[in-house]
């Protein structure tokens, strides 16, 4: 039994194809997909087509990420509050307009966490952020992470969201994060995922990092006009793909801090572009 665990694809279907090819060539027969399927990059519909194809051929488990929740809430709330040509919400809007009702309904039916039982193996909990919160980050050497682990129903939690590959151990339990397929942090721009092998009643993880055609992905950002839809956001994305140690969250937080310092308040998604520009200069 071998499971491929893939998280945070963010529309990077080129990296996804590379990861799936590797997993299948290494005899993976089951797939855990841990959310954030679209966003940040061009042609989200191509990622969704691949996922639907996988679901038709293999044993697949799908978890909802925070990106999926953004789009579902946007639909539910009357499609209000987001703007094109805006680094805070422009990419969300770009992806939303390319997702179909089928895609959104697919997301709607996904759980935010699931306990998976494989015959003869210890159960595992799969989630995007944490078993209770879709946008919670399980980080090493963190008291809240340890509390989540202590309260979990299984000894193994498999999550994404941080975009950082790794393993956290605490009181005989562990958190496994496969990293990000599409926009991985601290990886030198590589696509990352994890293989989980069940042997003699124990899980054994293998973290995988792969090169892929990054220039193709960056060219598609240009041809789809992503630098116009979300100017600074897309420049951050490009720098991450090129292997720089920068994150969207860090720049967003800096932009909001600059906005509050200048105006006295700042509420997402209303972050003027000039503060993103300044934050990106300082990053």
Protein backbone atom coordinates (compact mmCIF):
# COMPACT_ATOMS: atom_id res chain seq x y z
CA UNK A 1 0.00 0.00 0.00
CA UNK A 2 1.46 3.34 -1.04
CA UNK A 3 -0.29 6.69 -0.73
CA UNK A 4 0.67 9.93 -2.50
CA UNK A 5 -0.15 13.01 -0.42
CA UNK A 6 -0.46 16.28 -2.34
CA UNK A 7 -1.37 19.70 -0.96
CA UNK A 8 -1.51 23.32 -2.08
CA UNK A 9 -1.49 22.92 -5.86
CA UNK A 10 -2.60 26.53 -6.47
CA UNK A 11 -3.35 25.94 -10.17
CA UNK A 12 0.17 24.73 -10.90
CA UNK A 13 -0.95 21.89 -13.12
CA UNK A 14 2.56 21.59 -14.63
CA UNK A 15 4.03 20.77 -11.22
CA UNK A 16 1.02 18.56 -10.44
CA UNK A 17 1.60 16.46 -13.55
CA UNK A 18 5.26 15.98 -12.56
CA UNK A 19 4.32 14.88 -9.04
CA UNK A 20 1.61 12.50 -10.21
CA UNK A 21 3.90 10.95 -12.80
CA UNK A 22 6.53 10.31 -10.12
CA UNK A 23 3.96 8.91 -7.68
CA UNK A 24 2.46 6.54 -10.21
CA UNK A 25 5.89 5.35 -11.33
CA UNK A 26 6.60 4.53 -7.66
CA UNK A 27 3.45 2.41 -7.35
CA UNK A 28 1.16 4.83 -5.53
CA UNK A 29 -2.38 3.47 -5.66
CA UNK A 30 -4.17 5.90 -3.32
CA UNK A 31 -4.12 9.70 -3.29
CA UNK A 32 -4.76 12.24 -0.54
CA UNK A 33 -5.44 15.75 -1.87
CA UNK A 34 -5.32 18.29 0.95
CA UNK A 35 -6.87 21.44 -0.51
CA UNK A 36 -6.00 24.76 -2.14
CA UNK A 37 -6.40 23.33 -5.62
CA UNK A 38 -6.61 26.62 -7.53
CA UNK A 39 -5.36 30.19 -7.14
CA UNK A 40 -2.15 32.18 -7.80
CA UNK A 41 -1.40 30.68 -11.22
CA UNK A 42 -2.93 30.44 -14.68
CA UNK A 43 -5.55 28.05 -16.02
CA UNK A 44 -7.12 26.62 -12.84
CA UNK A 45 -9.49 24.64 -15.06
CA UNK A 46 -6.56 22.45 -16.17
CA UNK A 47 -5.81 21.50 -12.58
CA UNK A 48 -9.46 20.62 -12.02
CA UNK A 49 -9.54 18.45 -15.15
CA UNK A 50 -6.54 16.49 -13.85
CA UNK A 51 -8.17 16.01 -10.45
CA UNK A 52 -11.43 14.79 -11.96
CA UNK A 53 -9.43 12.38 -14.09
CA UNK A 54 -7.61 11.05 -11.03
CA UNK A 55 -10.89 10.62 -9.17
CA UNK A 56 -12.18 8.48 -12.03
CA UNK A 57 -9.18 6.14 -12.05
CA UNK A 58 -7.83 5.87 -8.50
CA UNK A 59 -8.84 5.80 -4.86
CA UNK A 60 -8.79 9.52 -4.00
CA UNK A 61 -9.59 11.49 -0.86
CA UNK A 62 -10.24 15.24 -1.16
CA UNK A 63 -10.07 17.83 1.63
CA UNK A 64 -11.25 21.45 1.43
CA UNK A 65 -8.64 24.18 1.90
CA UNK A 66 -8.94 27.81 2.86
CA UNK A 67 -8.93 28.89 -0.80
CA UNK A 68 -11.98 26.74 -1.47
CA UNK A 69 -13.70 28.36 1.50
CA UNK A 70 -12.95 31.84 0.10
CA UNK A 71 -14.67 31.02 -3.19
CA UNK A 72 -17.62 29.27 -1.54
CA UNK A 73 -18.17 32.22 0.79
CA UNK A 74 -17.88 34.64 -2.12
CA UNK A 75 -20.60 32.76 -3.98
CA UNK A 76 -22.77 32.51 -0.87
CA UNK A 77 -22.44 36.23 -0.08
CA UNK A 78 -23.49 37.48 -3.49
CA UNK A 79 -20.08 37.87 -5.15
CA UNK A 80 -19.30 41.17 -3.44
CA UNK A 81 -16.14 42.81 -2.10
CA UNK A 82 -13.39 41.64 -4.48
CA UNK A 83 -11.73 43.77 -7.16
CA UNK A 84 -9.77 43.07 -10.31
CA UNK A 85 -6.34 44.71 -10.74
CA UNK A 86 -5.87 44.41 -7.01
CA UNK A 87 -3.19 42.46 -5.15
CA UNK A 88 -5.45 41.51 -2.26
CA UNK A 89 -8.32 39.91 -4.16
CA UNK A 90 -7.46 40.07 -7.87
CA UNK A 91 -6.15 36.49 -8.05
CA UNK A 92 -9.10 35.16 -6.08
CA UNK A 93 -11.40 36.84 -8.58
CA UNK A 94 -9.43 35.57 -11.58
CA UNK A 95 -9.69 31.97 -10.36
CA UNK A 96 -13.35 32.33 -9.34
CA UNK A 97 -14.33 33.41 -12.85
CA UNK A 98 -12.66 30.30 -14.29
CA UNK A 99 -14.10 27.82 -11.82
CA UNK A 100 -17.41 26.23 -12.77
CA UNK A 101 -20.49 25.46 -10.70
CA UNK A 102 -19.35 21.84 -10.84
CA UNK A 103 -16.03 22.83 -9.26
CA UNK A 104 -17.65 24.89 -6.50
CA UNK A 105 -20.15 22.14 -5.72
CA UNK A 106 -17.24 19.69 -5.58
CA UNK A 107 -15.54 21.94 -3.03
CA UNK A 108 -18.77 22.34 -1.07
CA UNK A 109 -19.00 18.60 -0.53
CA UNK A 110 -15.45 18.24 0.75
CA UNK A 111 -14.85 17.95 4.52
CA UNK A 112 -12.21 20.11 6.21
CA UNK A 113 -10.85 16.98 7.92
CA UNK A 114 -11.27 13.25 7.65
CA UNK A 115 -10.18 10.19 9.61
CA UNK A 116 -8.94 7.55 7.18
CA UNK A 117 -8.72 3.88 8.11
CA UNK A 118 -6.71 1.50 5.96
CA UNK A 119 -6.90 -2.21 6.64
CA UNK A 120 -4.17 -3.35 9.01
CA UNK A 121 -2.78 0.16 9.48
CA UNK A 122 -3.13 2.83 12.18
CA UNK A 123 -5.77 5.45 11.29
CA UNK A 124 -4.64 8.89 10.15
CA UNK A 125 -6.32 12.28 10.17
CA UNK A 126 -6.05 14.28 6.96
CA UNK A 127 -6.79 18.01 6.82
CA UNK A 128 -5.66 21.23 5.19
CA UNK A 129 -4.83 23.39 8.21
CA UNK A 130 -5.73 21.47 11.35
CA UNK A 131 -8.46 18.95 12.16
CA UNK A 132 -10.64 21.77 13.54
CA UNK A 133 -9.71 24.86 11.51
CA UNK A 134 -9.08 25.01 7.78
CA UNK A 135 -6.72 27.99 8.08
CA UNK A 136 -4.76 26.98 11.20
CA UNK A 137 -1.04 26.39 10.73
CA UNK A 138 0.56 23.45 12.51
CA UNK A 139 4.09 24.67 13.15
CA UNK A 140 7.10 23.06 14.87
CA UNK A 141 7.96 24.00 18.46
CA UNK A 142 4.54 25.57 18.94
CA UNK A 143 2.31 25.08 21.98
CA UNK A 144 -0.92 25.33 20.00
CA UNK A 145 0.31 22.69 17.57
CA UNK A 146 1.12 20.38 20.48
CA UNK A 147 -2.34 20.98 21.93
CA UNK A 148 -3.91 20.06 18.59
CA UNK A 149 -1.84 16.89 18.49
CA UNK A 150 -2.81 15.96 22.06
CA UNK A 151 -6.50 16.40 21.24
CA UNK A 152 -6.48 14.57 17.90
CA UNK A 153 -8.31 11.29 17.43
CA UNK A 154 -5.32 9.69 15.73
CA UNK A 155 -1.58 9.55 16.36
CA UNK A 156 -0.84 10.82 12.84
CA UNK A 157 -2.11 14.11 11.39
CA UNK A 158 -1.37 14.85 7.72
CA UNK A 159 -1.86 18.49 6.77
CA UNK A 160 -0.83 21.20 4.34
CA UNK A 161 -1.35 24.99 4.39
CA UNK A 162 2.13 26.06 5.55
CA UNK A 163 3.73 25.18 2.17
CA UNK A 164 6.71 23.84 4.14
CA UNK A 165 7.61 20.16 4.03
CA UNK A 166 8.39 18.46 7.32
CA UNK A 167 7.58 16.31 10.33
CA UNK A 168 6.65 17.36 13.87
CA UNK A 169 6.83 14.85 16.74
CA UNK A 170 5.26 15.20 20.17
CA UNK A 171 4.31 12.67 22.85
CA UNK A 172 4.52 9.73 20.48
CA UNK A 173 2.41 11.48 17.86
CA UNK A 174 3.38 13.21 14.63
CA UNK A 175 2.27 15.80 12.10
CA UNK A 176 3.35 15.20 8.50
CA UNK A 177 3.28 18.03 5.97
CA UNK A 178 3.98 17.14 2.33
CA UNK A 179 4.84 20.72 1.40
CA UNK A 180 3.25 22.44 -1.58
CA UNK A 181 2.95 21.01 -5.06
CA UNK A 182 2.49 24.41 -6.66
CA UNK A 183 4.13 27.15 -4.58
CA UNK A 184 6.49 25.58 -2.08
CA UNK A 185 8.44 27.61 0.45
CA UNK A 186 12.09 26.99 1.31
CA UNK A 187 12.45 24.45 -1.48
CA UNK A 188 14.43 26.34 -4.09
CA UNK A 189 11.32 26.48 -6.25
CA UNK A 190 10.76 22.73 -6.48
CA UNK A 191 7.41 20.93 -6.43
CA UNK A 192 6.93 18.95 -3.23
CA UNK A 193 4.71 16.12 -2.01
CA UNK A 194 4.94 12.99 0.11
CA UNK A 195 4.70 9.25 -0.34
CA UNK A 196 3.30 7.29 2.58
CA UNK A 197 4.09 3.58 2.65
CA UNK A 198 2.27 1.10 4.86
CA UNK A 199 4.60 -1.69 5.98
CA UNK A 200 4.08 -4.22 8.77
CA UNK A 201 1.44 -2.12 10.46
CA UNK A 202 3.46 1.11 10.44
CA UNK A 203 3.47 4.21 8.25
CA UNK A 204 6.75 5.26 6.67
CA UNK A 205 6.95 8.68 4.98
CA UNK A 206 9.13 9.76 2.07
CA UNK A 207 9.35 13.46 1.28
CA UNK A 208 9.76 14.18 -2.42
CA UNK A 209 11.05 17.35 -4.14
CA UNK A 210 11.01 17.59 -7.93
CA UNK A 211 12.13 19.97 -10.63
CA UNK A 212 9.54 20.93 -13.23
CA UNK A 213 9.16 23.38 -16.11
CA UNK A 214 8.94 26.60 -14.09
CA UNK A 215 9.53 28.80 -17.13
CA UNK A 216 6.38 27.39 -18.73
CA UNK A 217 4.40 28.32 -15.62
CA UNK A 218 5.83 31.85 -15.59
CA UNK A 219 5.11 32.31 -19.30
CA UNK A 220 1.50 31.31 -18.70
CA UNK A 221 1.23 33.95 -15.98
CA UNK A 222 2.16 36.51 -18.64
CA UNK A 223 -0.15 35.19 -21.33
CA UNK A 224 -3.12 35.17 -18.93
CA UNK A 225 -2.40 38.71 -17.73
CA UNK A 226 -1.97 37.77 -14.08
CA UNK A 227 0.38 40.70 -13.47
CA UNK A 228 -2.53 42.98 -14.39
CA UNK A 229 -5.16 41.06 -12.39
CA UNK A 230 -3.03 41.07 -9.21
CA UNK A 231 0.13 43.15 -9.74
CA UNK A 232 2.21 42.73 -6.58
CA UNK A 233 0.65 39.38 -5.67
CA UNK A 234 1.78 37.88 -8.96
CA UNK A 235 5.28 39.31 -8.58
CA UNK A 236 5.49 37.57 -5.20
CA UNK A 237 4.31 34.33 -6.82
CA UNK A 238 7.00 34.62 -9.48
CA UNK A 239 9.72 35.16 -6.88
CA UNK A 240 8.59 32.10 -4.92
CA UNK A 241 8.58 29.95 -8.05
CA UNK A 242 12.08 31.18 -8.85
CA UNK A 243 13.15 29.92 -5.42
CA UNK A 244 13.28 33.08 -3.31
CA UNK A 245 12.52 32.97 0.42
CA UNK A 246 9.45 35.22 0.31
CA UNK A 247 5.78 34.53 1.09
CA UNK A 248 2.47 36.14 0.19
CA UNK A 249 1.42 36.19 3.83
CA UNK A 250 4.50 38.04 5.00
CA UNK A 251 4.11 40.76 2.35
CA UNK A 252 0.37 41.04 2.98
CA UNK A 253 0.92 41.49 6.71
CA UNK A 254 3.55 44.13 6.02
CA UNK A 255 1.24 45.95 3.59
CA UNK A 256 -1.58 45.97 6.13
CA UNK A 257 0.77 47.24 8.85
CA UNK A 258 1.90 50.09 6.57
CA UNK A 259 -1.71 50.92 5.79
CA UNK A 260 -2.67 51.01 9.50
CA UNK A 261 0.35 53.16 10.30
CA UNK A 262 -0.65 55.65 7.60
CA UNK A 263 -4.45 55.69 7.96
CA UNK A 264 -5.17 54.31 11.43
CA UNK A 265 -6.96 51.17 10.20
CA UNK A 266 -6.78 48.46 7.55
CA UNK A 267 -9.31 45.72 6.87
CA UNK A 268 -8.89 42.88 4.42
CA UNK A 269 -9.50 42.95 1.46
CA UNK A 270 -9.32 46.75 1.35
CA UNK A 271 -5.53 47.17 1.17
CA UNK A 272 -4.54 49.94 -1.28
CA UNK A 273 -2.03 48.84 -3.91
CA UNK A 274 0.53 51.48 -2.88
CA UNK A 275 1.04 49.68 0.44
CA UNK A 276 1.63 46.40 -1.37
CA UNK A 277 4.19 48.13 -3.57
CA UNK A 278 6.00 49.49 -0.50
CA UNK A 279 5.86 46.16 1.35
CA UNK A 280 7.26 44.36 -1.68
CA UNK A 281 10.13 46.83 -1.88
CA UNK A 282 10.97 46.08 1.76
CA UNK A 283 10.64 42.28 1.42
